[in-house]
C-alpha atoms as a PDB file:
ATOM      1  CA  MET A   1     -25.319  14.447  -0.665  1.00  0.00           C
ATOM      2  CA  ALA A   2     -23.744  11.381   0.640  1.00  0.00           C
ATOM      3  CA  ARG A   3     -20.063  10.704   0.059  1.00  0.00           C
ATOM      4  CA  LYS A   4     -18.941   7.639  -1.968  1.00  0.00           C
ATOM      5  CA  LYS A   5     -16.260   5.925  -0.570  1.00  0.00           C
ATOM      6  CA  VAL A   6     -13.183   5.727  -2.656  1.00  0.00           C
ATOM      7  CA  ALA A   7     -11.537   2.495  -3.282  1.00  0.00           C
ATOM      8  CA  ALA A   8      -8.213   1.879  -1.810  1.00  0.00           C
ATOM      9  CA  ARG A   9      -5.446  -1.124  -1.732  1.00  0.00           C
ATOM     10  CA  LYS A  10      -2.567  -1.873   0.207  1.00  0.00           C
ATOM     11  CA  ILE A  11       0.840  -2.690  -1.549  1.00  0.00           C
ATOM     12  CA  GLY A  12       4.489  -3.762  -0.224  1.00  0.00           C
ATOM     13  CA  ARG A  13       7.383  -1.782  -0.780  1.00  0.00           C
ATOM     14  CA  ASN A  14      10.807  -2.551   0.147  1.00  0.00           C
ATOM     15  CA  ALA A  15      12.294   0.577   1.738  1.00  0.00           C
ATOM     16  CA  GLU A  16      15.809   0.017   0.645  1.00  0.00           C
ATOM     17  CA  THR A  17      15.304  -0.448  -3.238  1.00  0.00           C
ATOM     18  CA  GLY A  18      11.606   0.964  -3.740  1.00  0.00           C
ATOM     19  CA  ARG A  19      10.676  -2.382  -5.605  1.00  0.00           C
ATOM     20  CA  PHE A  20       7.067  -3.673  -4.712  1.00  0.00           C
ATOM     21  CA  THR A  21       6.215  -6.645  -2.581  1.00  0.00           C
ATOM     22  CA  SER A  22       3.296  -8.384  -1.269  1.00  0.00           C
ATOM     23  CA  VAL A  23       1.870  -7.190   1.683  1.00  0.00           C
ATOM     24  CA  GLU A  24       2.450 -10.379   3.770  1.00  0.00           C
ATOM     25  CA  GLN A  25       6.143 -10.069   3.070  1.00  0.00           C
ATOM     26  CA  ALA A  26       6.134  -6.467   4.055  1.00  0.00           C
ATOM     27  CA  ARG A  27       4.268  -7.101   7.458  1.00  0.00           C
ATOM     28  CA  LYS A  28       7.020  -9.936   8.066  1.00  0.00           C
ATOM     29  CA  HIS A  29       9.780  -7.633   7.410  1.00  0.00           C
ATOM     30  CA  PRO A  30       8.939  -4.326   8.991  1.00  0.00           C
ATOM     31  CA  LYS A  31      12.468  -3.049   9.484  1.00  0.00           C
ATOM     32  CA  THR A  32      13.015  -3.178   5.501  1.00  0.00           C
ATOM     33  CA  HIS A  33       9.566  -2.897   4.278  1.00  0.00           C
ATOM     34  CA  ILE A  34       6.462  -0.487   4.263  1.00  0.00           C
ATOM     35  CA  VAL A  35       2.780  -1.272   3.656  1.00  0.00           C
ATOM     36  CA  GLU A  36       1.378   1.446   1.789  1.00  0.00           C
ATOM     37  CA  THR A  37      -2.294   2.335   0.928  1.00  0.00           C
ATOM     38  CA  LEU A  38      -3.134   3.548  -2.851  1.00  0.00           C
ATOM     39  CA  HIS A  39      -6.109   5.518  -3.095  1.00  0.00           C
ATOM     40  CA  ASN A  40      -7.798   5.571  -6.591  1.00  0.00           C
ATOM     41  CA  PRO A  41      -8.593   8.798  -8.042  1.00  0.00           C
ATOM     42  CA  ARG A  42     -11.669  10.081  -8.703  1.00  0.00           C
ATOM     43  CA  GLY A  43     -13.187  10.246 -12.174  1.00  0.00           C
END
């Protein structure tokens, strides 16, 4: 069987507070932000 591609999306997160931010802001401030990839669960 062929594998289906799992949908994923990227989010930005402030590494100091843990709050979600935009991906653009996270890429502008790499010392204090992280860009994470969230995979949707199959089901």
